[in-house]
Amino acid sequence: MAKRKNGAQPSPTDDLATGSGKSNLAFYLISRFIIVLLIVTALESAIVWLESITLAPLLRQLATATGDAQSLETTSVVALVQWAISLVSAMAQADYAQVGTLASRSAAVVVLVVMLIVLVAPVLVGAIAFSRLVLRKVHDLQAQRERELEEIERQRNQFITDVAHDLRTPVMAISGMAHALSDGLVKDDAMRAEYLSSICEKSDKMSDLVSSVFDYTKLGSGSFALQREIVDLPQLLLQEAAAAYTDIEDAGMHFSIHVPEDRCAIDADPLQLSRLVANLIANAVKHNGPGTEIALILMRQAGAAFVMLADTGAPLPQDPNVLFQPFTQGDTSRSSAKSGSGLGLSICKRIADMHGFSLSVAQPYGRFTKAFVLQCGIVD
């Protein structure tokens, strides 16, 4: 089976708070410095060669004309320093004859200054160019970080709004029925039993939502760590399939299992990986109707294991990528009878990301309408 692209939305570029972000910044700065250094070195070499065949002979001619060629046989910098020192000394001693002699060499000095400026110019330009590159990179990182913080804040506010939305309806219903029972407004025993049953049902729904929110936030906290060990993937899948088999049959669906029993070892947290698989199966049962075939498939290829949870139900009516966002559901509305917390797939995605695994959606998938594909690395 060909490797499939991850269905999740692309993550933001790493910022400076992460090790990867720091490595990327260091690589960027070092690579740009080397490029600028090579360009400056090349320009300096070209300038030295040009000066050696143009300005240097002219400088020697001017020095010879002033009768002081020997002093300019050294480097231009030394000659310029010698000239400046001699001029200052002559002026300090009021030796105007010597000042005049030195001034007559002004043409040679001009040539020296030009040569120095031309030599220094590539270094200055290179330094300015590198500084601008660094400033531009820092500005881009700051702007990117601000966008990420804004997105995090937006998602946090949306998360709180969604939790409040999903809690408000059952709380109001429970409050209304509890007050009706407390005030003696429900006289019929059958109606009272129905009210109590509805209160229990909505309380359980609230409990499930709170538990899901707790699991989702716990997995996203920096303090949570996976308890990784070597796991036999086929055995784990078969155990989860056996646990879900009765629920699938009761829902009027057909469950097909294609999991070879040959050992396939992966490095994973067995508890969290079991939760991921169980959530995928529960999601397929919840969002498909009777007569649907649900298939659990395990395939190996090129050092990787692919776990597919496929079904023949209705296709997803929206972009499959958004299913991994919190409180996103594949059916029509949040208030539908089938809707759950909307966090099941988000929890699955977080578990997969923490393991370094890939979780995506393929639609269609062979003879199936859709499939959730989990890719894991094999350790043996």
Protein backbone atom coordinates (compact mmCIF):
# COMPACT_ATOMS: atom_id res chain seq x y z
CA MET A 1 0.00 0.00 0.00
CA ALA A 2 1.34 3.40 -0.90
CA LYS A 3 2.09 5.78 1.90
CA ARG A 4 -0.72 8.31 2.26
CA LYS A 5 -0.41 11.95 3.09
CA ASN A 6 -1.37 13.03 6.57
CA GLY A 7 -4.91 14.32 6.60
CA ALA A 8 -4.31 16.72 9.43
CA GLN A 9 -3.91 20.38 8.79
CA PRO A 10 -0.30 21.52 8.45
CA SER A 11 1.16 22.63 11.70
CA PRO A 12 2.64 26.11 12.08
CA THR A 13 6.30 26.61 11.43
CA ASP A 14 8.39 25.91 14.50
CA ASP A 15 9.10 29.00 16.59
CA LEU A 16 12.06 29.82 18.82
CA ALA A 17 10.44 28.13 21.82
CA THR A 18 11.09 24.70 20.32
CA GLY A 19 14.34 22.85 19.73
CA SER A 20 13.45 22.43 16.07
CA GLY A 21 12.77 26.14 15.75
CA LYS A 22 16.15 27.02 17.27
CA SER A 23 17.92 24.59 14.95
CA ASN A 24 16.15 26.05 11.92
CA LEU A 25 17.11 29.60 12.96
CA ALA A 26 20.74 28.60 13.54
CA PHE A 27 20.86 26.88 10.14
CA TYR A 28 19.35 29.95 8.49
CA LEU A 29 21.86 32.35 10.09
CA ILE A 30 24.90 30.14 9.45
CA SER A 31 23.94 29.45 5.85
CA ARG A 32 23.31 33.14 5.10
CA PHE A 33 26.58 34.11 6.80
CA ILE A 34 28.52 31.61 4.71
CA ILE A 35 26.85 32.84 1.51
CA VAL A 36 27.62 36.48 2.32
CA LEU A 37 31.19 35.57 3.31
CA LEU A 38 31.78 33.73 0.04
CA ILE A 39 30.42 36.63 -1.98
CA VAL A 40 32.56 39.16 -0.07
CA THR A 41 35.65 36.95 -0.46
CA ALA A 42 35.03 36.63 -4.20
CA LEU A 43 34.57 40.39 -4.58
CA GLU A 44 37.68 41.13 -2.52
CA SER A 45 39.74 38.76 -4.66
CA ALA A 46 38.46 40.42 -7.84
CA ILE A 47 39.14 43.90 -6.44
CA VAL A 48 42.69 43.01 -5.36
CA TRP A 49 43.40 41.64 -8.82
CA LEU A 50 41.95 44.71 -10.55
CA GLU A 51 43.86 47.08 -8.27
CA SER A 52 47.10 45.18 -8.88
CA ILE A 53 46.83 45.81 -12.63
CA THR A 54 45.35 49.34 -12.54
CA LEU A 55 45.71 51.44 -9.40
CA ALA A 56 48.89 49.86 -8.04
CA PRO A 57 51.02 50.76 -11.11
CA LEU A 58 49.56 54.27 -11.05
CA LEU A 59 50.45 54.61 -7.39
CA ARG A 60 54.04 53.59 -8.11
CA GLN A 61 54.30 56.15 -10.90
CA LEU A 62 53.03 58.92 -8.63
CA ALA A 63 55.40 57.89 -5.89
CA THR A 64 58.33 57.86 -8.32
CA ALA A 65 57.38 61.32 -9.56
CA THR A 66 57.57 62.65 -6.00
CA GLY A 67 60.92 60.95 -5.46
CA ASP A 68 59.69 58.68 -2.71
CA ALA A 69 58.95 55.42 -4.47
CA GLN A 70 60.69 53.31 -1.84
CA SER A 71 58.21 54.29 0.86
CA LEU A 72 55.32 53.05 -1.25
CA GLU A 73 56.79 49.66 -2.06
CA THR A 74 54.93 48.24 0.93
CA THR A 75 51.19 47.93 1.29
CA SER A 76 48.90 50.86 0.62
CA VAL A 77 47.79 50.99 4.24
CA VAL A 78 51.37 51.29 5.51
CA ALA A 79 52.13 53.98 2.92
CA LEU A 80 49.06 55.96 3.91
CA VAL A 81 49.90 55.74 7.60
CA GLN A 82 53.51 56.80 6.91
CA TRP A 83 52.33 59.78 4.89
CA ALA A 84 49.84 60.87 7.55
CA ILE A 85 52.42 60.61 10.34
CA SER A 86 54.99 62.57 8.34
CA LEU A 87 52.47 65.30 7.53
CA VAL A 88 51.38 65.71 11.15
CA SER A 89 54.99 65.74 12.32
CA ALA A 90 56.00 68.40 9.77
CA MET A 91 53.04 70.61 10.70
CA ALA A 92 53.86 70.25 14.40
CA GLN A 93 57.45 71.31 13.76
CA ALA A 94 56.34 74.15 11.46
CA ASP A 95 58.51 72.67 8.72
CA TYR A 96 56.55 74.17 5.87
CA ALA A 97 58.98 72.98 3.24
CA GLN A 98 58.38 69.42 4.34
CA VAL A 99 54.62 70.06 4.46
CA GLY A 100 54.74 71.25 0.85
CA THR A 101 56.71 68.19 -0.20
CA LEU A 102 54.24 65.91 1.47
CA ALA A 103 51.28 67.79 0.01
CA SER A 104 52.71 67.29 -3.45
CA ARG A 105 52.06 63.63 -2.95
CA SER A 106 48.30 64.27 -2.64
CA ALA A 107 47.61 62.49 -5.91
CA ALA A 108 49.25 59.37 -4.56
CA VAL A 109 47.29 59.74 -1.34
CA VAL A 110 44.03 60.03 -3.28
CA VAL A 111 44.86 56.83 -5.11
CA LEU A 112 45.63 55.16 -1.76
CA VAL A 113 42.30 56.31 -0.30
CA VAL A 114 40.42 55.08 -3.34
CA MET A 115 42.11 51.70 -3.10
CA LEU A 116 41.24 51.40 0.59
CA ILE A 117 37.62 52.44 0.05
CA VAL A 118 37.20 49.94 -2.74
CA LEU A 119 38.75 47.21 -0.60
CA VAL A 120 36.58 47.96 2.43
CA ALA A 121 33.33 48.50 0.49
CA PRO A 122 32.47 44.78 -0.05
CA VAL A 123 32.97 44.09 3.66
CA LEU A 124 30.67 46.95 4.65
CA VAL A 125 28.05 45.99 2.08
CA GLY A 126 28.22 42.36 3.18
CA ALA A 127 27.81 43.32 6.84
CA ILE A 128 24.82 45.52 6.02
CA ALA A 129 23.25 42.81 3.86
CA PHE A 130 23.69 40.16 6.56
CA SER A 131 22.25 42.51 9.19
CA ARG A 132 19.20 43.14 7.02
CA LEU A 133 18.72 39.39 6.54
CA VAL A 134 18.89 38.83 10.30
CA LEU A 135 16.46 41.68 11.02
CA ARG A 136 14.05 40.43 8.36
CA LYS A 137 14.17 36.89 9.79
CA VAL A 138 13.58 38.13 13.33
CA HIS A 139 10.68 40.28 12.12
CA ASP A 140 9.15 37.30 10.29
CA LEU A 141 9.50 35.11 13.39
CA GLN A 142 7.89 37.76 15.58
CA ALA A 143 5.00 38.21 13.15
CA GLN A 144 4.56 34.44 12.89
CA ARG A 145 4.60 34.09 16.66
CA GLU A 146 1.96 36.79 17.02
CA ARG A 147 -0.26 35.01 14.49
CA GLU A 148 0.19 31.72 16.35
CA LEU A 149 -0.70 33.35 19.67
CA GLU A 150 -3.80 34.90 18.11
CA GLU A 151 -4.82 31.52 16.72
CA ILE A 152 -4.21 29.83 20.08
CA GLU A 153 -6.34 32.46 21.79
CA ARG A 154 -9.09 32.05 19.19
CA GLN A 155 -9.05 28.27 19.63
CA ARG A 156 -9.09 28.61 23.41
CA ASN A 157 -12.11 30.91 23.30
CA GLN A 158 -13.83 28.62 20.82
CA PHE A 159 -13.08 25.62 23.02
CA ILE A 160 -14.60 27.31 26.08
CA THR A 161 -17.64 28.39 24.05
CA ASP A 162 -18.18 24.86 22.75
CA VAL A 163 -17.86 23.31 26.21
CA ALA A 164 -20.33 25.82 27.61
CA HIS A 165 -22.69 25.15 24.71
CA ASP A 166 -22.64 21.39 25.21
CA LEU A 167 -23.07 21.71 28.99
CA ARG A 168 -25.79 24.34 28.97
CA THR A 169 -28.48 22.29 27.24
CA PRO A 170 -28.39 19.24 29.55
CA VAL A 171 -27.94 21.46 32.64
CA MET A 172 -31.04 23.47 31.76
CA ALA A 173 -33.00 20.29 31.02
CA ILE A 174 -31.92 18.66 34.29
CA SER A 175 -32.70 21.84 36.22
CA GLY A 176 -36.18 22.10 34.68
CA MET A 177 -37.10 18.47 35.33
CA ALA A 178 -35.62 18.53 38.85
CA HIS A 179 -37.65 21.61 39.76
CA ALA A 180 -40.78 20.07 38.31
CA LEU A 181 -40.28 16.96 40.44
CA SER A 182 -39.37 19.01 43.52
CA ASP A 183 -42.45 21.24 43.18
CA GLY A 184 -44.73 18.23 42.82
CA LEU A 185 -45.83 19.20 39.31
CA VAL A 186 -45.38 15.64 38.04
CA LYS A 187 -48.17 13.52 39.55
CA ASP A 188 -48.08 10.48 37.30
CA ASP A 189 -45.66 7.74 38.43
CA ALA A 190 -44.79 6.78 34.87
CA MET A 191 -44.02 10.39 33.97
CA ARG A 192 -41.94 10.76 37.14
CA ALA A 193 -39.94 7.66 36.22
CA GLU A 194 -39.44 9.07 32.72
CA TYR A 195 -38.18 12.35 34.17
CA LEU A 196 -35.75 10.53 36.44
CA SER A 197 -34.53 8.39 33.56
CA SER A 198 -33.98 11.49 31.43
CA ILE A 199 -32.09 13.21 34.26
CA CYS A 200 -29.81 10.17 34.59
CA GLU A 201 -29.22 10.08 30.83
CA LYS A 202 -28.34 13.75 30.60
CA SER A 203 -26.15 13.52 33.70
CA ASP A 204 -24.22 10.66 32.11
CA LYS A 205 -23.80 12.74 28.95
CA MET A 206 -22.41 15.64 30.99
CA SER A 207 -20.08 13.26 32.82
CA ASP A 208 -18.80 11.87 29.51
CA LEU A 209 -18.22 15.40 28.19
CA VAL A 210 -16.32 16.47 31.30
CA SER A 211 -14.20 13.31 31.14
CA SER A 212 -13.44 13.95 27.45
CA VAL A 213 -12.47 17.56 28.14
CA PHE A 214 -10.21 16.39 30.97
CA ASP A 215 -8.54 13.78 28.76
CA TYR A 216 -8.08 16.25 25.90
CA THR A 217 -6.52 18.95 28.08
CA LYS A 218 -4.38 16.43 29.98
CA LEU A 219 -2.90 15.07 26.76
CA GLY A 220 -2.14 18.61 25.63
CA SER A 221 -0.40 19.62 28.85
CA GLY A 222 3.38 19.65 28.98
CA SER A 223 3.40 17.60 32.18
CA PHE A 224 1.81 14.52 30.62
CA ALA A 225 4.27 11.84 29.49
CA LEU A 226 3.64 8.63 27.60
CA GLN A 227 4.51 5.34 29.30
CA ARG A 228 6.11 3.75 26.26
CA GLU A 229 7.05 0.12 25.93
CA ILE A 230 7.32 -2.53 23.24
CA VAL A 231 3.75 -3.41 22.21
CA ASP A 232 2.58 -6.29 20.02
CA LEU A 233 0.26 -4.32 17.73
CA PRO A 234 -1.84 -7.26 16.41
CA GLN A 235 -2.67 -8.42 19.95
CA LEU A 236 -3.68 -4.92 20.99
CA LEU A 237 -5.92 -4.53 17.94
CA LEU A 238 -7.56 -7.92 18.46
CA GLN A 239 -8.28 -7.10 22.09
CA GLU A 240 -9.97 -3.81 21.17
CA ALA A 241 -11.90 -5.53 18.37
CA ALA A 242 -13.18 -8.17 20.79
CA ALA A 243 -14.26 -5.48 23.28
CA ALA A 244 -16.21 -3.58 20.59
CA TYR A 245 -17.68 -6.58 18.76
CA THR A 246 -20.92 -6.77 20.77
CA ASP A 247 -21.65 -3.03 20.43
CA ILE A 248 -21.16 -3.22 16.67
CA GLU A 249 -23.43 -6.24 16.32
CA ASP A 250 -26.10 -4.61 18.54
CA ALA A 251 -26.00 -1.56 16.24
CA GLY A 252 -26.90 -3.79 13.29
CA MET A 253 -23.50 -3.45 11.65
CA HIS A 254 -21.07 -6.02 10.30
CA PHE A 255 -17.55 -6.11 11.77
CA SER A 256 -14.78 -7.61 9.64
CA ILE A 257 -11.30 -8.05 11.08
CA HIS A 258 -8.21 -8.42 8.90
CA VAL A 259 -5.39 -8.49 11.43
CA PRO A 260 -2.59 -11.05 10.92
CA GLU A 261 -1.51 -12.61 14.21
CA ASP A 262 2.18 -12.49 13.30
CA ARG A 263 4.12 -10.38 15.80
CA CYS A 264 4.46 -6.71 14.87
CA ALA A 265 6.25 -4.78 17.60
CA ILE A 266 5.99 -1.01 17.98
CA ASP A 267 7.18 1.43 20.62
CA ALA A 268 4.03 2.92 22.18
CA ASP A 269 2.01 3.60 25.30
CA PRO A 270 -0.41 0.61 25.28
CA LEU A 271 -3.09 2.41 27.33
CA GLN A 272 -3.18 5.51 25.11
CA LEU A 273 -2.90 3.51 21.89
CA SER A 274 -5.81 1.32 23.01
CA ARG A 275 -7.81 4.48 23.68
CA LEU A 276 -7.02 5.72 20.18
CA VAL A 277 -8.23 2.50 18.54
CA ALA A 278 -11.32 2.31 20.77
CA ASN A 279 -12.24 5.92 19.93
CA LEU A 280 -11.93 5.24 16.21
CA ILE A 281 -14.20 2.19 16.47
CA ALA A 282 -16.73 4.05 18.66
CA ASN A 283 -16.72 6.95 16.19
CA ALA A 284 -17.52 4.57 13.31
CA VAL A 285 -20.40 3.02 15.25
CA LYS A 286 -21.80 6.39 16.32
CA HIS A 287 -21.81 8.02 12.89
CA ASN A 288 -22.99 5.16 10.67
CA GLY A 289 -26.33 3.42 10.33
CA PRO A 290 -27.42 -0.22 10.45
CA GLY A 291 -26.10 -2.40 7.65
CA THR A 292 -22.74 -0.64 7.55
CA GLU A 293 -19.63 -2.77 7.34
CA ILE A 294 -16.80 -1.70 9.64
CA ALA A 295 -13.39 -3.18 8.95
CA LEU A 296 -10.26 -3.22 11.11
CA ILE A 297 -7.21 -3.83 8.90
CA LEU A 298 -3.52 -4.15 9.67
CA MET A 299 -0.86 -4.04 6.95
CA ARG A 300 2.94 -3.88 7.03
CA GLN A 301 5.15 -2.19 4.48
CA ALA A 302 8.75 -0.91 4.43
CA GLY A 303 9.31 -0.83 8.17
CA ALA A 304 5.92 0.69 8.97
CA ALA A 305 2.59 -0.66 10.18
CA PHE A 306 -0.68 0.73 8.82
CA VAL A 307 -3.86 0.37 10.88
CA MET A 308 -7.03 1.15 8.94
CA LEU A 309 -10.50 1.57 10.47
CA ALA A 310 -12.69 1.60 7.36
CA ASP A 311 -16.45 1.55 6.80
CA THR A 312 -19.05 1.50 4.02
CA GLY A 313 -21.22 4.20 5.55
CA ALA A 314 -22.06 7.64 4.21
CA PRO A 315 -19.14 9.74 2.98
CA LEU A 316 -18.00 12.68 5.04
CA PRO A 317 -19.93 15.82 4.02
CA GLN A 318 -17.05 18.16 4.91
CA ASP A 319 -13.30 18.48 4.65
CA PRO A 320 -11.96 15.35 6.42
CA ASN A 321 -9.07 17.36 7.84
CA VAL A 322 -11.30 19.41 10.17
CA LEU A 323 -12.59 16.27 11.91
CA PHE A 324 -9.52 16.31 14.14
CA GLN A 325 -10.35 19.76 15.49
CA PRO A 326 -12.11 19.91 18.89
CA PHE A 327 -15.93 19.75 18.87
CA THR A 328 -16.07 18.94 15.16
CA GLN A 329 -18.48 16.19 14.20
CA GLY A 330 -19.26 14.42 10.96
CA ASP A 331 -23.04 14.50 11.22
CA THR A 332 -25.44 17.34 10.72
CA SER A 333 -25.49 19.26 13.99
CA ARG A 334 -24.23 19.45 17.52
CA SER A 335 -27.64 18.77 18.94
CA SER A 336 -28.34 15.58 17.02
CA ALA A 337 -29.11 12.45 18.95
CA LYS A 338 -25.94 10.82 17.76
CA SER A 339 -23.62 13.66 18.63
CA GLY A 340 -21.11 13.10 21.40
CA SER A 341 -18.55 15.42 22.88
CA GLY A 342 -16.87 16.04 19.53
CA LEU A 343 -13.51 15.40 21.17
CA GLY A 344 -12.98 11.72 20.33
CA LEU A 345 -11.07 12.26 17.11
CA SER A 346 -9.18 15.23 18.57
CA ILE A 347 -7.98 12.95 21.37
CA CYS A 348 -6.98 10.34 18.77
CA LYS A 349 -4.96 12.94 16.87
CA ARG A 350 -3.19 14.14 19.99
CA ILE A 351 -2.29 10.59 20.99
CA ALA A 352 -0.94 9.87 17.50
CA ASP A 353 1.09 13.11 17.43
CA MET A 354 2.57 12.44 20.87
CA HIS A 355 3.76 9.05 19.65
CA GLY A 356 5.17 10.50 16.44
CA PHE A 357 2.62 8.49 14.45
CA SER A 358 0.54 9.73 11.52
CA LEU A 359 -3.27 9.75 11.61
CA SER A 360 -5.15 10.71 8.46
CA VAL A 361 -8.42 10.20 6.62
CA ALA A 362 -8.66 8.48 3.23
CA GLN A 363 -11.90 8.94 1.30
CA PRO A 364 -12.68 6.71 -0.53
CA TYR A 365 -10.52 3.76 0.48
CA GLY A 366 -10.71 0.79 -1.87
CA ARG A 367 -14.22 -0.64 -1.68
CA PHE A 368 -14.88 1.34 1.50
CA THR A 369 -16.38 4.80 1.65
CA LYS A 370 -13.73 6.13 4.01
CA ALA A 371 -10.99 5.01 6.37
CA PHE A 372 -8.94 6.40 9.22
CA VAL A 373 -5.33 5.42 8.63
CA LEU A 374 -2.80 5.22 11.47
CA GLN A 375 0.84 4.80 10.47
CA CYS A 376 3.28 3.49 13.09
CA GLY A 377 6.99 2.73 12.96
CA ILE A 378 7.99 -0.91 13.54
CA VAL A 379 10.85 -1.56 15.95
CA ASP A 380 11.79 -5.08 14.75
